[in-house]
N, C-alpha and C. Protein backbone atom coordinates (compact mmCIF):
# COMPACT_ATOMS: atom_id res chain seq x y z
N UNK A 1 -11.49 44.75 28.95
CA UNK A 1 -12.42 44.97 27.89
C UNK A 1 -13.48 43.86 27.93
N UNK A 2 -14.71 44.24 27.87
CA UNK A 2 -15.79 43.28 27.94
C UNK A 2 -16.08 42.73 26.54
N UNK A 3 -16.43 41.47 26.50
CA UNK A 3 -16.78 40.85 25.23
C UNK A 3 -18.21 41.18 24.86
N UNK A 4 -18.43 41.38 23.58
CA UNK A 4 -19.79 41.65 23.13
C UNK A 4 -20.61 40.38 23.22
N UNK A 5 -21.87 40.53 23.55
CA UNK A 5 -22.73 39.36 23.65
C UNK A 5 -23.07 38.85 22.27
N UNK A 6 -23.06 37.57 22.11
CA UNK A 6 -23.39 36.94 20.85
C UNK A 6 -24.88 36.65 20.85
N UNK A 7 -25.54 37.11 19.77
CA UNK A 7 -26.97 36.84 19.68
C UNK A 7 -27.17 35.41 19.24
N UNK A 8 -27.98 34.68 19.96
CA UNK A 8 -28.27 33.30 19.64
C UNK A 8 -29.57 33.23 18.86
N UNK A 9 -29.66 32.22 18.03
CA UNK A 9 -30.91 32.00 17.32
C UNK A 9 -31.97 31.55 18.30
N UNK A 10 -33.16 31.99 18.02
CA UNK A 10 -34.25 31.53 18.86
C UNK A 10 -34.51 30.06 18.60
N UNK A 11 -35.10 29.41 19.51
CA UNK A 11 -35.36 27.99 19.41
C UNK A 11 -36.19 27.61 18.20
N UNK A 12 -37.14 28.47 17.80
CA UNK A 12 -38.01 28.16 16.68
C UNK A 12 -37.25 28.22 15.36
N UNK A 13 -36.29 29.14 15.23
CA UNK A 13 -35.52 29.25 13.98
C UNK A 13 -34.64 28.01 13.80
N UNK A 14 -34.01 27.55 14.85
CA UNK A 14 -33.19 26.34 14.78
C UNK A 14 -34.07 25.13 14.54
N UNK A 15 -35.24 25.10 15.15
CA UNK A 15 -36.16 23.98 15.00
C UNK A 15 -36.66 23.88 13.55
N UNK A 16 -36.86 25.02 12.89
CA UNK A 16 -37.34 25.01 11.50
C UNK A 16 -36.30 24.39 10.58
N UNK A 17 -35.02 24.68 10.80
CA UNK A 17 -33.96 24.10 9.99
C UNK A 17 -33.86 22.60 10.17
N UNK A 18 -33.99 22.14 11.41
CA UNK A 18 -33.94 20.71 11.71
C UNK A 18 -35.15 20.01 11.11
N UNK A 19 -36.31 20.63 11.21
CA UNK A 19 -37.54 20.04 10.67
C UNK A 19 -37.44 19.90 9.15
N UNK A 20 -36.87 20.91 8.49
CA UNK A 20 -36.70 20.87 7.03
C UNK A 20 -35.76 19.73 6.64
N UNK A 21 -34.67 19.56 7.37
CA UNK A 21 -33.71 18.48 7.10
C UNK A 21 -34.32 17.11 7.36
N UNK A 22 -35.11 17.01 8.39
CA UNK A 22 -35.73 15.73 8.74
C UNK A 22 -36.81 15.33 7.75
N UNK A 23 -37.36 16.29 7.00
CA UNK A 23 -38.41 15.98 6.03
C UNK A 23 -37.85 15.23 4.82
N UNK A 24 -36.55 15.38 4.56
CA UNK A 24 -35.92 14.69 3.44
C UNK A 24 -35.76 13.21 3.78
N UNK A 25 -35.87 12.33 2.77
CA UNK A 25 -35.69 10.91 3.06
C UNK A 25 -34.23 10.61 3.41
N UNK A 26 -34.03 9.68 4.32
CA UNK A 26 -32.68 9.31 4.71
C UNK A 26 -32.07 8.46 3.62
N UNK A 27 -30.77 8.72 3.33
CA UNK A 27 -30.11 8.01 2.25
C UNK A 27 -28.64 7.86 2.60
N UNK A 28 -28.10 6.69 2.35
CA UNK A 28 -26.68 6.46 2.61
C UNK A 28 -25.84 7.25 1.61
N UNK A 29 -24.62 7.52 1.97
CA UNK A 29 -23.74 8.30 1.10
C UNK A 29 -23.50 7.59 -0.23
N UNK A 30 -23.33 6.28 -0.19
CA UNK A 30 -23.11 5.52 -1.42
C UNK A 30 -24.33 5.60 -2.33
N UNK A 31 -25.52 5.63 -1.74
CA UNK A 31 -26.74 5.75 -2.54
C UNK A 31 -26.84 7.14 -3.17
N UNK A 32 -26.38 8.17 -2.45
CA UNK A 32 -26.38 9.53 -3.02
C UNK A 32 -25.43 9.61 -4.20
N UNK A 33 -24.26 9.00 -4.08
CA UNK A 33 -23.27 9.00 -5.16
C UNK A 33 -23.82 8.24 -6.37
N UNK A 34 -24.45 7.11 -6.13
CA UNK A 34 -25.04 6.33 -7.21
C UNK A 34 -26.14 7.11 -7.91
N UNK A 35 -26.93 7.85 -7.16
CA UNK A 35 -27.99 8.67 -7.74
C UNK A 35 -27.41 9.77 -8.62
N UNK A 36 -26.31 10.38 -8.19
CA UNK A 36 -25.66 11.41 -8.99
C UNK A 36 -25.09 10.83 -10.29
N UNK A 37 -24.56 9.61 -10.24
CA UNK A 37 -24.01 8.98 -11.44
C UNK A 37 -25.09 8.63 -12.44
N UNK A 38 -26.30 8.33 -11.97
CA UNK A 38 -27.39 7.98 -12.86
C UNK A 38 -28.05 9.21 -13.50
N UNK A 39 -27.81 10.38 -12.95
CA UNK A 39 -28.41 11.61 -13.48
C UNK A 39 -27.76 11.94 -14.82
N UNK A 40 -28.55 11.89 -15.91
CA UNK A 40 -28.00 12.10 -17.25
C UNK A 40 -27.78 13.57 -17.57
N UNK A 41 -28.42 14.49 -16.86
CA UNK A 41 -28.24 15.91 -17.14
C UNK A 41 -26.95 16.44 -16.54
N UNK A 42 -26.40 15.73 -15.58
CA UNK A 42 -25.16 16.15 -14.92
C UNK A 42 -23.97 15.58 -15.69
N UNK A 43 -23.01 16.42 -16.02
CA UNK A 43 -21.82 15.98 -16.74
C UNK A 43 -20.68 15.87 -15.73
N UNK A 44 -20.25 14.64 -15.41
CA UNK A 44 -19.17 14.49 -14.44
C UNK A 44 -17.84 14.93 -15.04
N UNK A 45 -17.03 15.59 -14.25
CA UNK A 45 -15.73 16.08 -14.71
C UNK A 45 -14.65 15.55 -13.78
N UNK A 46 -13.55 15.11 -14.37
CA UNK A 46 -12.46 14.60 -13.55
C UNK A 46 -11.83 15.73 -12.75
N UNK A 47 -11.54 15.50 -11.48
CA UNK A 47 -10.84 16.52 -10.71
C UNK A 47 -9.42 16.69 -11.23
N UNK A 48 -9.01 17.95 -11.44
CA UNK A 48 -7.68 18.20 -11.96
C UNK A 48 -7.19 19.57 -11.52
N UNK A 49 -5.89 19.78 -11.65
CA UNK A 49 -5.27 21.07 -11.37
C UNK A 49 -4.16 21.27 -12.39
N UNK A 50 -4.00 22.50 -12.85
CA UNK A 50 -2.95 22.85 -13.79
C UNK A 50 -2.04 23.89 -13.15
N UNK A 51 -0.74 23.61 -13.16
CA UNK A 51 0.24 24.53 -12.56
C UNK A 51 1.35 24.80 -13.58
N UNK A 52 1.99 25.94 -13.44
CA UNK A 52 3.11 26.28 -14.32
C UNK A 52 4.40 25.73 -13.75
N UNK A 53 5.32 25.40 -14.64
CA UNK A 53 6.60 24.88 -14.22
C UNK A 53 7.68 25.18 -15.24
N UNK A 54 8.91 24.84 -14.89
CA UNK A 54 10.06 25.05 -15.76
C UNK A 54 10.91 23.80 -15.73
N UNK A 55 11.42 23.42 -16.90
CA UNK A 55 12.31 22.26 -16.98
C UNK A 55 13.65 22.67 -16.39
N UNK A 56 14.03 22.04 -15.29
CA UNK A 56 15.27 22.39 -14.59
C UNK A 56 16.47 21.71 -15.21
N UNK A 57 16.33 20.40 -15.51
CA UNK A 57 17.45 19.69 -16.11
C UNK A 57 16.95 18.45 -16.83
N UNK A 58 17.77 18.00 -17.76
CA UNK A 58 17.52 16.76 -18.50
C UNK A 58 18.49 15.72 -17.96
N UNK A 59 17.95 14.59 -17.50
CA UNK A 59 18.77 13.54 -16.90
C UNK A 59 18.94 12.42 -17.93
N UNK A 60 20.17 12.24 -18.38
CA UNK A 60 20.45 11.19 -19.35
C UNK A 60 20.51 9.83 -18.66
N UNK A 61 20.10 8.80 -19.37
CA UNK A 61 20.10 7.46 -18.82
C UNK A 61 21.48 6.83 -18.97
N UNK A 62 21.85 5.96 -18.03
CA UNK A 62 23.12 5.25 -18.12
C UNK A 62 23.03 4.08 -19.09
N UNK A 63 21.82 3.57 -19.28
CA UNK A 63 21.62 2.42 -20.15
C UNK A 63 20.94 2.84 -21.44
N UNK A 64 21.32 2.27 -22.55
CA UNK A 64 20.77 2.70 -23.83
C UNK A 64 19.29 2.36 -24.02
N UNK A 65 18.79 1.33 -23.35
CA UNK A 65 17.40 0.96 -23.55
C UNK A 65 16.43 1.76 -22.67
N UNK A 66 16.94 2.61 -21.76
CA UNK A 66 16.10 3.48 -20.94
C UNK A 66 16.09 4.87 -21.54
N UNK A 67 14.95 5.55 -21.42
CA UNK A 67 14.85 6.90 -21.99
C UNK A 67 15.32 7.94 -20.98
N UNK A 68 15.65 9.11 -21.49
CA UNK A 68 16.08 10.20 -20.62
C UNK A 68 14.87 10.78 -19.90
N UNK A 69 15.12 11.49 -18.82
CA UNK A 69 14.05 12.08 -18.02
C UNK A 69 14.23 13.58 -17.94
N UNK A 70 13.10 14.28 -17.80
CA UNK A 70 13.11 15.72 -17.63
C UNK A 70 12.66 16.04 -16.21
N UNK A 71 13.45 16.83 -15.48
CA UNK A 71 13.07 17.24 -14.13
C UNK A 71 12.41 18.60 -14.23
N UNK A 72 11.16 18.69 -13.75
CA UNK A 72 10.37 19.92 -13.84
C UNK A 72 10.16 20.47 -12.45
N UNK A 73 10.43 21.77 -12.28
CA UNK A 73 10.17 22.46 -11.02
C UNK A 73 8.82 23.13 -11.15
N UNK A 74 7.88 22.76 -10.29
CA UNK A 74 6.52 23.28 -10.35
C UNK A 74 6.43 24.52 -9.47
N UNK A 75 5.98 25.63 -10.05
CA UNK A 75 5.82 26.87 -9.29
C UNK A 75 4.60 26.75 -8.38
N UNK A 76 4.74 27.15 -7.14
CA UNK A 76 3.62 27.16 -6.21
C UNK A 76 3.41 25.87 -5.45
N UNK A 77 4.22 24.85 -5.70
CA UNK A 77 4.07 23.59 -4.97
C UNK A 77 4.89 23.63 -3.69
N UNK A 78 4.54 22.79 -2.73
CA UNK A 78 5.31 22.69 -1.49
C UNK A 78 6.69 22.13 -1.78
N UNK A 79 7.62 22.39 -0.91
CA UNK A 79 9.02 22.05 -1.13
C UNK A 79 9.26 20.57 -1.47
N UNK A 80 8.74 19.60 -0.71
CA UNK A 80 9.08 18.21 -1.05
C UNK A 80 8.42 17.72 -2.35
N UNK A 81 7.38 18.41 -2.80
CA UNK A 81 6.66 17.97 -4.00
C UNK A 81 6.92 18.90 -5.18
N UNK A 82 7.96 19.67 -5.12
CA UNK A 82 8.25 20.67 -6.12
C UNK A 82 8.86 20.09 -7.39
N UNK A 83 9.72 19.09 -7.26
CA UNK A 83 10.42 18.52 -8.41
C UNK A 83 9.69 17.27 -8.89
N UNK A 84 9.38 17.25 -10.18
CA UNK A 84 8.74 16.10 -10.80
C UNK A 84 9.64 15.60 -11.92
N UNK A 85 9.72 14.29 -12.08
CA UNK A 85 10.53 13.72 -13.16
C UNK A 85 9.64 12.89 -14.07
N UNK A 86 9.75 13.18 -15.37
CA UNK A 86 8.99 12.48 -16.39
C UNK A 86 9.93 11.94 -17.44
N UNK A 87 9.48 10.90 -18.13
CA UNK A 87 10.24 10.46 -19.30
C UNK A 87 10.12 11.56 -20.34
N UNK A 88 11.23 11.84 -20.98
CA UNK A 88 11.27 12.94 -21.93
C UNK A 88 10.89 12.45 -23.33
N UNK A 89 9.83 11.69 -23.42
CA UNK A 89 9.30 11.25 -24.70
C UNK A 89 7.84 11.66 -24.74
N UNK A 90 7.55 12.78 -25.35
CA UNK A 90 6.20 13.31 -25.43
C UNK A 90 5.73 13.33 -26.88
N UNK A 91 4.45 13.47 -27.07
CA UNK A 91 3.86 13.52 -28.40
C UNK A 91 3.06 14.82 -28.52
N UNK A 92 3.23 15.53 -29.63
CA UNK A 92 2.46 16.76 -29.83
C UNK A 92 1.10 16.44 -30.44
N UNK A 93 0.32 17.49 -30.75
CA UNK A 93 -1.04 17.29 -31.25
C UNK A 93 -1.09 16.64 -32.63
N UNK A 94 0.03 16.64 -33.37
CA UNK A 94 0.08 16.02 -34.69
C UNK A 94 0.61 14.59 -34.65
N UNK A 95 0.96 14.09 -33.48
CA UNK A 95 1.46 12.73 -33.34
C UNK A 95 2.96 12.61 -33.49
N UNK A 96 3.67 13.72 -33.61
CA UNK A 96 5.13 13.70 -33.73
C UNK A 96 5.76 13.62 -32.34
N UNK A 97 6.91 12.94 -32.27
CA UNK A 97 7.66 12.84 -31.02
C UNK A 97 8.38 14.15 -30.75
N UNK A 98 8.27 14.65 -29.52
CA UNK A 98 8.96 15.88 -29.13
C UNK A 98 9.68 15.63 -27.81
N UNK A 99 10.65 16.47 -27.52
CA UNK A 99 11.41 16.38 -26.27
C UNK A 99 11.46 17.77 -25.65
N UNK A 100 11.43 17.80 -24.33
CA UNK A 100 11.56 19.06 -23.61
C UNK A 100 13.03 19.46 -23.55
N UNK A 101 13.26 20.76 -23.53
CA UNK A 101 14.62 21.28 -23.41
C UNK A 101 14.76 22.00 -22.09
N UNK A 102 16.00 22.12 -21.62
CA UNK A 102 16.27 22.79 -20.36
C UNK A 102 15.83 24.24 -20.46
N UNK A 103 15.10 24.68 -19.43
CA UNK A 103 14.62 26.06 -19.38
C UNK A 103 13.26 26.27 -20.03
N UNK A 104 12.67 25.24 -20.62
CA UNK A 104 11.36 25.38 -21.27
C UNK A 104 10.27 25.56 -20.22
N UNK A 105 9.31 26.44 -20.52
CA UNK A 105 8.18 26.65 -19.64
C UNK A 105 7.08 25.67 -20.03
N UNK A 106 6.52 24.99 -19.02
CA UNK A 106 5.51 23.97 -19.27
C UNK A 106 4.32 24.17 -18.34
N UNK A 107 3.19 23.59 -18.73
CA UNK A 107 2.03 23.48 -17.86
C UNK A 107 1.94 22.03 -17.43
N UNK A 108 1.80 21.81 -16.15
CA UNK A 108 1.67 20.46 -15.63
C UNK A 108 0.23 20.30 -15.15
N UNK A 109 -0.48 19.35 -15.75
CA UNK A 109 -1.86 19.07 -15.37
C UNK A 109 -1.91 17.73 -14.66
N UNK A 110 -2.45 17.73 -13.46
CA UNK A 110 -2.56 16.51 -12.68
C UNK A 110 -4.05 16.19 -12.56
N UNK A 111 -4.43 15.01 -13.05
CA UNK A 111 -5.82 14.56 -12.96
C UNK A 111 -5.86 13.23 -12.24
N UNK A 112 -7.03 12.87 -11.77
CA UNK A 112 -7.20 11.60 -11.09
C UNK A 112 -7.89 10.63 -12.02
N UNK A 113 -7.35 9.43 -12.10
CA UNK A 113 -7.96 8.37 -12.87
C UNK A 113 -9.07 7.79 -12.00
N UNK A 114 -10.32 8.03 -12.38
CA UNK A 114 -11.44 7.66 -11.54
C UNK A 114 -11.61 6.15 -11.39
N UNK A 115 -11.17 5.36 -12.39
CA UNK A 115 -11.30 3.91 -12.27
C UNK A 115 -10.31 3.35 -11.26
N UNK A 116 -9.09 3.85 -11.26
CA UNK A 116 -8.04 3.30 -10.39
C UNK A 116 -7.86 4.09 -9.11
N UNK A 117 -8.19 5.39 -9.12
CA UNK A 117 -7.99 6.22 -7.95
C UNK A 117 -6.58 6.74 -7.82
N UNK A 118 -5.73 6.51 -8.85
CA UNK A 118 -4.35 6.98 -8.82
C UNK A 118 -4.24 8.27 -9.60
N UNK A 119 -3.44 9.24 -9.11
CA UNK A 119 -3.26 10.45 -9.89
C UNK A 119 -2.38 10.20 -11.10
N UNK A 120 -2.70 10.84 -12.20
CA UNK A 120 -1.92 10.76 -13.43
C UNK A 120 -1.33 12.13 -13.65
N UNK A 121 -0.04 12.19 -13.88
CA UNK A 121 0.63 13.46 -14.11
C UNK A 121 0.91 13.60 -15.61
N UNK A 122 0.50 14.72 -16.17
CA UNK A 122 0.72 14.98 -17.58
C UNK A 122 1.49 16.28 -17.72
N UNK A 123 2.41 16.34 -18.64
CA UNK A 123 3.15 17.56 -18.89
C UNK A 123 2.97 17.95 -20.34
N UNK A 124 2.77 19.21 -20.60
CA UNK A 124 2.69 19.68 -21.96
C UNK A 124 3.31 21.06 -22.03
N UNK A 125 3.84 21.40 -23.18
CA UNK A 125 4.51 22.69 -23.31
C UNK A 125 3.48 23.79 -23.39
N UNK A 126 3.82 24.93 -22.79
CA UNK A 126 2.92 26.08 -22.80
C UNK A 126 2.96 26.74 -24.16
N UNK A 127 1.83 27.21 -24.60
CA UNK A 127 1.76 27.86 -25.91
C UNK A 127 2.02 29.34 -25.80
């Protein structure tokens, strides 16, 4: 079976794209990022993802001064990153202390702390 010939762009069409790109002033990547941060019309948003999960088990602490932990299985995550453990001391929207129970369905939102560059994992119960 013969391969179909691929149509190539003519030299002038490719040249026009290069000419258009070359007309822009050269700028380092850090300068482009700084320019975006200075733009007041642009609202920066933290990168985040929300996934569904289920509380698999509650792990009691051996020591009284340590809090218990909740192990959450995240749906759709890869196998080694599927189980997450959090301290089972959460606060609801009214400021009351709440605890997760085994089998509870939760939403896990993972956002990046832009100042530190470390991901922060948050768990909240699904409504």
